[in-house]
């Protein structure tokens, strides 16, 4: 049927809370007569391969993986489940995967079923997933973020775990375009829906740091271990992970120190701008921005977020007044509500989250301070690339 003997390989998933191996993903392999091992993955996307043969291969490897893992006293085993095959089951018929678990004798609580593709009938899949969950099995969705239809899967199946799409994750970790913000938004959505995140394909320290920044509960990849035929001790990579996590914490502490420095500089700038306002707010009297290389612009709003002054921007030689945004209301921007919460004459300087400015296409922060007994809101836009 296939060129080689089927067998499962296992790649560990590292718990970012402990650095210990929390579980394994079972992967399909074929070993030929010379002992060479190759992935069976390409067979499952090859339209020339008989689907019945694929189903037999999948169930064979799944049984072997469960039997091998049965003697593992702790942790979980993640197994891929094809929605296309699930949708071929007749309603209310016995589920082969649950029957297999019972035959092998592995507690369902130690198993995660990973939904792989976007095919199959979503309503039937939802019913089957409900039965899996009632049996005690956790549900994961693979390649999260790879397409809009994947969001439909999340809403329909309400998974316990989301596995970030590996290509999107790597692009985001490398800082390509705005993919990082997109993945952070996905991770935030996962957190709000009560899902744990798995970051797979972690091959270097930069990718690990990004996974931690996204709040990944588990990481998986060559940085820690390649798929192997045998299991590792649960603490096999704990020392390595702890060292790398310490590097990440030091980086974050350095970022915090930089942010504290920015806040101190902003406090001085706001003091100068308030003096400038009290002297008549003539553009020619604006303070020199040379001490603030990150300064993009400053402007004034009323307490409801409507802009009542032009934008004042430094051209490199002089201040330029741009009146185009007079009477624009910015209360829809998230930072407005952050600052509103601090309203009061003694309110502290507030910094927004990072965002991309639609006008300049730059990544920015906005800082604000309520003044004049909270009647006016003084705002400063910051160019992140100059920090």
Protein backbone atom coordinates (compact mmCIF):
# COMPACT_ATOMS: atom_id res chain seq x y z
CA UNK A 1 0.00 0.00 0.00
CA UNK A 2 2.70 2.49 1.06
CA UNK A 3 6.44 2.39 0.71
CA UNK A 4 7.40 1.79 4.30
CA UNK A 5 6.25 0.58 7.69
CA UNK A 6 3.97 3.04 9.53
CA UNK A 7 4.98 4.29 12.97
CA UNK A 8 4.31 7.30 15.21
CA UNK A 9 6.90 9.93 16.10
CA UNK A 10 6.39 12.28 19.03
CA UNK A 11 7.30 15.96 19.37
CA UNK A 12 7.09 17.45 22.87
CA UNK A 13 5.04 20.49 23.85
CA UNK A 14 6.71 22.61 26.51
CA UNK A 15 4.61 24.20 29.26
CA UNK A 16 5.74 27.84 29.42
CA UNK A 17 4.66 28.04 33.08
CA UNK A 18 7.10 25.32 34.19
CA UNK A 19 9.51 24.61 31.34
CA UNK A 20 8.59 20.93 31.60
CA UNK A 21 7.23 18.71 28.84
CA UNK A 22 3.44 18.81 29.20
CA UNK A 23 2.53 16.53 26.31
CA UNK A 24 3.35 15.34 22.81
CA UNK A 25 1.95 15.64 19.33
CA UNK A 26 1.84 12.32 17.48
CA UNK A 27 3.12 12.56 13.89
CA UNK A 28 2.82 9.96 11.12
CA UNK A 29 6.05 8.46 9.78
CA UNK A 30 7.08 5.65 7.41
CA UNK A 31 10.23 3.55 7.82
CA UNK A 32 11.60 1.84 4.70
CA UNK A 33 13.60 -1.41 4.50
CA UNK A 34 16.90 0.48 4.89
CA UNK A 35 15.67 2.07 8.11
CA UNK A 36 15.14 5.54 6.65
CA UNK A 37 12.24 7.43 8.22
CA UNK A 38 10.15 9.92 6.25
CA UNK A 39 7.03 11.94 7.02
CA UNK A 40 3.73 10.45 5.90
CA UNK A 41 2.18 13.93 5.96
CA UNK A 42 2.40 14.55 2.19
CA UNK A 43 0.30 11.43 1.55
CA UNK A 44 -2.68 13.01 3.30
CA UNK A 45 -2.75 15.92 0.81
CA UNK A 46 -2.03 13.82 -2.29
CA UNK A 47 -5.27 13.47 -4.33
CA UNK A 48 -3.90 10.39 -6.10
CA UNK A 49 -3.80 8.36 -2.88
CA UNK A 50 -6.82 6.19 -2.13
CA UNK A 51 -8.77 7.80 0.79
CA UNK A 52 -9.61 4.37 2.21
CA UNK A 53 -5.90 3.54 2.37
CA UNK A 54 -5.22 6.86 4.09
CA UNK A 55 -7.91 6.20 6.67
CA UNK A 56 -6.42 2.79 7.40
CA UNK A 57 -2.93 4.28 7.70
CA UNK A 58 -4.19 7.03 10.02
CA UNK A 59 -6.01 4.62 12.33
CA UNK A 60 -3.02 2.28 12.40
CA UNK A 61 -0.63 5.04 13.47
CA UNK A 62 -3.18 6.46 15.91
CA UNK A 63 -3.54 3.10 17.65
CA UNK A 64 0.22 2.69 17.86
CA UNK A 65 0.62 6.19 19.30
CA UNK A 66 -2.06 5.63 21.94
CA UNK A 67 -0.59 2.26 22.94
CA UNK A 68 2.88 3.79 23.25
CA UNK A 69 1.57 6.70 25.31
CA UNK A 70 -0.62 4.56 27.54
CA UNK A 71 2.25 3.83 29.93
CA UNK A 72 3.01 7.55 30.34
CA UNK A 73 1.72 8.44 33.83
CA UNK A 74 1.20 12.16 33.12
CA UNK A 75 0.82 14.65 30.31
CA UNK A 76 -1.34 14.53 27.20
CA UNK A 77 -1.15 13.24 23.66
CA UNK A 78 -2.37 15.37 20.75
CA UNK A 79 -3.74 13.53 17.73
CA UNK A 80 -4.78 14.99 14.38
CA UNK A 81 -8.39 14.46 13.35
CA UNK A 82 -9.58 15.10 9.79
CA UNK A 83 -12.99 16.87 9.62
CA UNK A 84 -13.51 15.31 6.20
CA UNK A 85 -13.45 11.84 7.70
CA UNK A 86 -15.60 12.89 10.64
CA UNK A 87 -18.26 14.22 8.26
CA UNK A 88 -18.48 10.79 6.64
CA UNK A 89 -19.76 9.24 9.87
CA UNK A 90 -23.48 8.61 10.10
CA UNK A 91 -25.29 10.58 12.83
CA UNK A 92 -25.42 8.90 16.24
CA UNK A 93 -23.10 6.12 15.07
CA UNK A 94 -20.30 4.99 17.43
CA UNK A 95 -17.20 7.15 17.11
CA UNK A 96 -14.16 5.05 16.10
CA UNK A 97 -11.74 7.29 18.02
CA UNK A 98 -13.67 6.87 21.27
CA UNK A 99 -13.90 3.13 20.71
CA UNK A 100 -10.15 3.03 20.13
CA UNK A 101 -9.45 4.90 23.38
CA UNK A 102 -11.59 2.41 25.27
CA UNK A 103 -9.81 -0.54 23.65
CA UNK A 104 -6.38 0.85 24.40
CA UNK A 105 -7.30 1.88 27.94
CA UNK A 106 -6.04 5.46 27.85
CA UNK A 107 -8.08 7.99 29.88
CA UNK A 108 -9.76 10.55 27.56
CA UNK A 109 -8.50 13.34 29.84
CA UNK A 110 -4.99 12.61 28.54
CA UNK A 111 -5.99 13.13 24.91
CA UNK A 112 -6.32 16.22 22.70
CA UNK A 113 -7.97 15.92 19.29
CA UNK A 114 -6.52 18.47 16.89
CA UNK A 115 -8.88 19.53 14.08
CA UNK A 116 -6.66 19.97 11.06
CA UNK A 117 -8.32 21.06 7.80
CA UNK A 118 -11.20 23.31 6.81
CA UNK A 119 -13.14 20.62 4.97
CA UNK A 120 -16.19 18.71 6.06
CA UNK A 121 -19.68 19.56 7.23
CA UNK A 122 -19.44 22.10 10.05
CA UNK A 123 -22.75 21.13 11.69
CA UNK A 124 -21.87 17.44 11.78
CA UNK A 125 -18.39 18.28 13.00
CA UNK A 126 -19.85 20.34 15.83
CA UNK A 127 -22.03 17.42 16.94
CA UNK A 128 -19.08 15.01 16.92
CA UNK A 129 -16.85 17.47 18.78
CA UNK A 130 -19.56 17.81 21.42
CA UNK A 131 -19.48 14.05 21.93
CA UNK A 132 -15.69 14.09 22.15
CA UNK A 133 -15.82 16.79 24.79
CA UNK A 134 -18.53 15.01 26.79
CA UNK A 135 -16.20 12.00 26.89
CA UNK A 136 -13.49 14.17 28.49
CA UNK A 137 -11.32 14.88 25.43
CA UNK A 138 -9.99 18.38 24.84
CA UNK A 139 -10.30 19.98 21.39
CA UNK A 140 -7.65 21.99 19.54
CA UNK A 141 -7.84 23.81 16.21
CA UNK A 142 -4.74 23.74 14.02
CA UNK A 143 -3.49 26.57 11.74
CA UNK A 144 -5.44 29.23 13.65
CA UNK A 145 -5.25 32.52 11.75
CA UNK A 146 -4.75 30.93 8.34
CA UNK A 147 -8.11 32.09 6.95
CA UNK A 148 -11.49 33.63 7.67
CA UNK A 149 -13.21 30.26 7.63
CA UNK A 150 -11.03 29.23 10.57
CA UNK A 151 -12.83 31.86 12.65
CA UNK A 152 -16.06 30.11 11.77
CA UNK A 153 -14.55 26.92 13.19
CA UNK A 154 -13.64 28.64 16.45
CA UNK A 155 -17.14 30.04 16.89
CA UNK A 156 -18.80 26.72 16.03
CA UNK A 157 -16.54 24.32 17.93
CA UNK A 158 -15.52 26.43 20.97
CA UNK A 159 -12.11 24.73 21.24
CA UNK A 160 -9.97 24.45 24.36
CA UNK A 161 -6.71 25.08 22.49
CA UNK A 162 -5.75 27.13 19.43
CA UNK A 163 -2.60 26.30 17.50
CA UNK A 164 -1.22 29.32 15.66
CA UNK A 165 -0.65 28.90 11.93
CA UNK A 166 3.08 28.19 11.65
CA UNK A 167 3.74 30.40 8.62
CA UNK A 168 1.87 33.35 10.10
CA UNK A 169 3.61 32.87 13.46
CA UNK A 170 7.08 32.86 11.92
CA UNK A 171 6.34 35.91 9.80
CA UNK A 172 5.05 37.75 12.86
CA UNK A 173 8.01 36.71 15.02
CA UNK A 174 10.41 38.04 12.39
CA UNK A 175 8.73 41.45 12.47
CA UNK A 176 7.46 41.27 8.88
CA UNK A 177 4.87 43.97 8.15
CA UNK A 178 2.00 44.24 10.60
CA UNK A 179 1.68 40.47 11.04
CA UNK A 180 2.90 40.79 14.63
CA UNK A 181 -0.04 43.00 15.59
CA UNK A 182 -2.41 40.60 13.83
CA UNK A 183 -1.09 37.59 15.76
CA UNK A 184 -1.19 39.52 19.05
CA UNK A 185 -4.84 40.33 18.31
CA UNK A 186 -5.52 36.64 17.65
CA UNK A 187 -3.83 35.73 20.93
CA UNK A 188 -5.92 38.31 22.78
CA UNK A 189 -9.07 36.88 21.21
CA UNK A 190 -8.00 33.40 22.32
CA UNK A 191 -7.41 34.64 25.86
CA UNK A 192 -10.84 36.30 26.03
CA UNK A 193 -12.52 33.12 24.80
CA UNK A 194 -10.73 31.00 27.41
CA UNK A 195 -8.47 29.13 24.95
CA UNK A 196 -4.85 28.21 25.46
CA UNK A 197 -2.40 29.01 22.69
CA UNK A 198 0.16 26.62 21.17
CA UNK A 199 3.00 28.18 19.18
CA UNK A 200 4.55 25.55 16.94
CA UNK A 201 7.60 25.83 14.73
CA UNK A 202 9.66 27.61 17.41
CA UNK A 203 13.20 27.29 16.09
CA UNK A 204 15.09 30.22 17.62
CA UNK A 205 15.10 32.50 20.64
CA UNK A 206 13.38 35.35 18.80
CA UNK A 207 10.43 33.10 17.98
CA UNK A 208 10.26 31.89 21.57
CA UNK A 209 10.21 35.47 22.85
CA UNK A 210 7.35 36.33 20.50
CA UNK A 211 5.43 33.23 21.61
CA UNK A 212 5.82 34.30 25.25
CA UNK A 213 4.74 37.83 24.37
CA UNK A 214 1.57 36.39 22.83
CA UNK A 215 0.86 34.46 26.02
CA UNK A 216 1.40 31.00 24.51
CA UNK A 217 0.76 28.29 27.11
CA UNK A 218 2.71 25.69 25.12
CA UNK A 219 5.59 25.97 22.65
CA UNK A 220 6.73 23.30 20.23
CA UNK A 221 9.67 23.24 17.83
CA UNK A 222 13.24 22.37 16.96
CA UNK A 223 14.60 24.88 19.47
CA UNK A 224 13.78 22.28 22.12
CA UNK A 225 13.30 18.94 20.39
CA UNK A 226 12.70 17.34 17.03
CA UNK A 227 10.08 14.62 16.59
CA UNK A 228 11.50 11.33 17.82
CA UNK A 229 10.35 7.74 18.17
CA UNK A 230 10.74 7.76 21.95
CA UNK A 231 9.64 9.99 24.80
CA UNK A 232 11.93 12.30 26.77
CA UNK A 233 12.13 12.83 30.54
CA UNK A 234 9.63 15.51 31.55
CA UNK A 235 12.43 17.83 32.70
CA UNK A 236 14.64 17.26 29.64
CA UNK A 237 14.55 20.89 28.44
CA UNK A 238 13.63 22.63 31.68
CA UNK A 239 17.08 24.14 32.29
CA UNK A 240 17.34 25.35 28.69
CA UNK A 241 13.85 26.84 28.79
CA UNK A 242 14.49 28.59 32.12
CA UNK A 243 17.62 30.25 30.71
CA UNK A 244 15.79 31.43 27.59
CA UNK A 245 12.83 32.67 29.65
CA UNK A 246 15.25 34.69 31.82
CA UNK A 247 16.59 36.33 28.65
CA UNK A 248 13.04 37.25 27.72
CA UNK A 249 12.34 38.76 31.14
CA UNK A 250 15.54 40.85 30.95
CA UNK A 251 14.45 42.19 27.56
CA UNK A 252 11.06 43.13 28.96
CA UNK A 253 12.67 44.86 31.94
CA UNK A 254 14.83 46.86 29.53
CA UNK A 255 11.70 47.85 27.60
CA UNK A 256 10.08 48.89 30.87
CA UNK A 257 13.09 51.07 31.71
CA UNK A 258 12.83 52.68 28.27
CA UNK A 259 9.15 53.33 28.83
CA UNK A 260 9.85 54.89 32.22
CA UNK A 261 12.40 57.20 30.56
CA UNK A 262 9.82 58.16 27.93
CA UNK A 263 7.27 58.98 30.65
CA UNK A 264 9.77 61.26 32.39
CA UNK A 265 10.51 63.06 29.12
CA UNK A 266 6.78 63.39 28.40
CA UNK A 267 6.20 64.93 31.83
CA UNK A 268 8.76 67.62 30.99
CA UNK A 269 7.29 68.16 27.52
CA UNK A 270 3.75 68.50 28.85
CA UNK A 271 4.98 71.03 31.41
CA UNK A 272 6.55 73.08 28.61
CA UNK A 273 3.42 72.82 26.48
CA UNK A 274 1.23 73.99 29.35
CA UNK A 275 3.47 77.02 29.81
CA UNK A 276 3.25 77.65 26.07
CA UNK A 277 -0.56 77.57 26.25
CA UNK A 278 -0.57 79.99 29.17
CA UNK A 279 1.57 82.44 27.13
CA UNK A 280 -0.91 82.63 24.25
CA UNK A 281 -0.15 79.45 22.27
CA UNK A 282 1.66 81.16 19.40
CA UNK A 283 3.17 78.54 17.05
CA UNK A 284 6.46 80.42 16.95
CA UNK A 285 6.77 80.07 20.73
CA UNK A 286 6.46 76.28 20.82
CA UNK A 287 9.32 74.60 22.71
CA UNK A 288 12.21 73.20 20.72
CA UNK A 289 11.67 69.49 20.02
CA UNK A 290 15.38 68.67 19.88
CA UNK A 291 15.20 66.97 23.26
CA UNK A 292 12.29 64.87 22.00
CA UNK A 293 13.41 63.16 18.75
CA UNK A 294 10.36 60.88 18.92
CA UNK A 295 7.86 63.77 18.77
CA UNK A 296 5.55 63.62 15.75
CA UNK A 297 2.94 66.25 16.58
CA UNK A 298 0.94 67.88 19.36
CA UNK A 299 -2.61 69.24 19.43
CA UNK A 300 -5.43 70.22 21.78
CA UNK A 301 -8.94 68.75 22.17
CA UNK A 302 -11.89 69.62 24.31
CA UNK A 303 -13.04 67.23 27.05
CA UNK A 304 -15.27 65.38 24.58
CA UNK A 305 -12.44 64.61 22.17
CA UNK A 306 -13.09 67.27 19.50
CA UNK A 307 -9.89 68.84 18.19
CA UNK A 308 -9.84 72.59 18.85
CA UNK A 309 -6.32 73.41 17.64
CA UNK A 310 -4.39 72.64 14.48
CA UNK A 311 -1.81 69.87 14.47
CA UNK A 312 1.63 71.29 15.24
CA UNK A 313 4.36 69.30 13.52
CA UNK A 314 8.13 69.82 13.48
CA UNK A 315 9.58 69.90 9.95
CA UNK A 316 13.19 69.66 11.07
CA UNK A 317 13.63 73.41 10.85
CA UNK A 318 10.46 74.93 12.24
CA UNK A 319 6.99 74.18 13.53
CA UNK A 320 4.27 73.73 10.90
CA UNK A 321 0.58 74.31 11.61
CA UNK A 322 -1.85 71.89 9.93
CA UNK A 323 -5.52 72.91 10.39
CA UNK A 324 -7.04 69.99 8.41
CA UNK A 325 -8.14 68.12 11.52
CA UNK A 326 -9.91 70.95 13.32
CA UNK A 327 -13.32 69.81 14.60
CA UNK A 328 -12.44 66.14 14.11
CA UNK A 329 -13.60 64.10 17.08
CA UNK A 330 -11.17 61.44 18.36
CA UNK A 331 -13.32 59.93 21.11
CA UNK A 332 -13.61 56.73 19.03
CA UNK A 333 -9.88 56.11 19.45
CA UNK A 334 -9.15 53.58 22.27
CA UNK A 335 -6.56 55.87 23.87
CA UNK A 336 -9.23 58.51 24.55
CA UNK A 337 -10.94 56.25 27.08
CA UNK A 338 -7.61 55.38 28.70
CA UNK A 339 -6.98 59.08 29.26
CA UNK A 340 -10.60 59.80 30.21
CA UNK A 341 -10.27 57.37 33.12
CA UNK A 342 -7.50 59.59 34.50
CA UNK A 343 -9.37 62.87 34.16
CA UNK A 344 -8.50 65.51 36.74
CA UNK A 345 -6.08 68.39 37.15
CA UNK A 346 -3.55 66.07 38.75
CA UNK A 347 -4.06 63.27 36.26
CA UNK A 348 -0.98 61.35 35.20
CA UNK A 349 0.43 61.12 31.70
CA UNK A 350 -1.24 58.23 29.83
CA UNK A 351 0.26 56.24 26.96
CA UNK A 352 -1.84 54.40 24.40
CA UNK A 353 -1.09 50.97 23.00
CA UNK A 354 0.93 50.83 19.80
CA UNK A 355 -1.00 51.49 16.58
CA UNK A 356 -0.31 52.34 12.94
CA UNK A 357 -1.13 55.91 11.96
CA UNK A 358 -3.35 55.85 8.86
CA UNK A 359 -2.02 59.20 7.60
CA UNK A 360 1.72 58.63 7.88
CA UNK A 361 1.72 54.78 7.92
CA UNK A 362 4.01 55.01 10.95
CA UNK A 363 3.77 52.98 14.15
CA UNK A 364 2.86 55.38 16.92
CA UNK A 365 1.89 55.91 20.51
CA UNK A 366 -0.34 58.72 21.70
CA UNK A 367 0.14 60.35 25.07
CA UNK A 368 -2.41 62.61 26.71
CA UNK A 369 -3.04 64.75 29.74
CA UNK A 370 -6.21 66.51 30.91
CA UNK A 371 -5.59 70.16 31.83
CA UNK A 372 -7.60 73.25 32.89
CA UNK A 373 -9.74 71.34 35.41
CA UNK A 374 -10.31 68.62 32.80
CA UNK A 375 -11.83 71.06 30.29
CA UNK A 376 -9.10 70.42 27.72
CA UNK A 377 -7.07 67.44 26.63
CA UNK A 378 -3.48 67.93 25.50
CA UNK A 379 -2.25 65.19 23.15
CA UNK A 380 1.16 64.21 21.78
CA UNK A 381 1.82 61.64 19.02
CA UNK A 382 5.05 59.64 19.27
CA UNK A 383 7.02 58.00 16.45
CA UNK A 384 7.95 54.54 17.73
CA UNK A 385 10.80 54.17 15.24
CA UNK A 386 12.58 57.11 16.90
CA UNK A 387 12.52 55.70 20.42
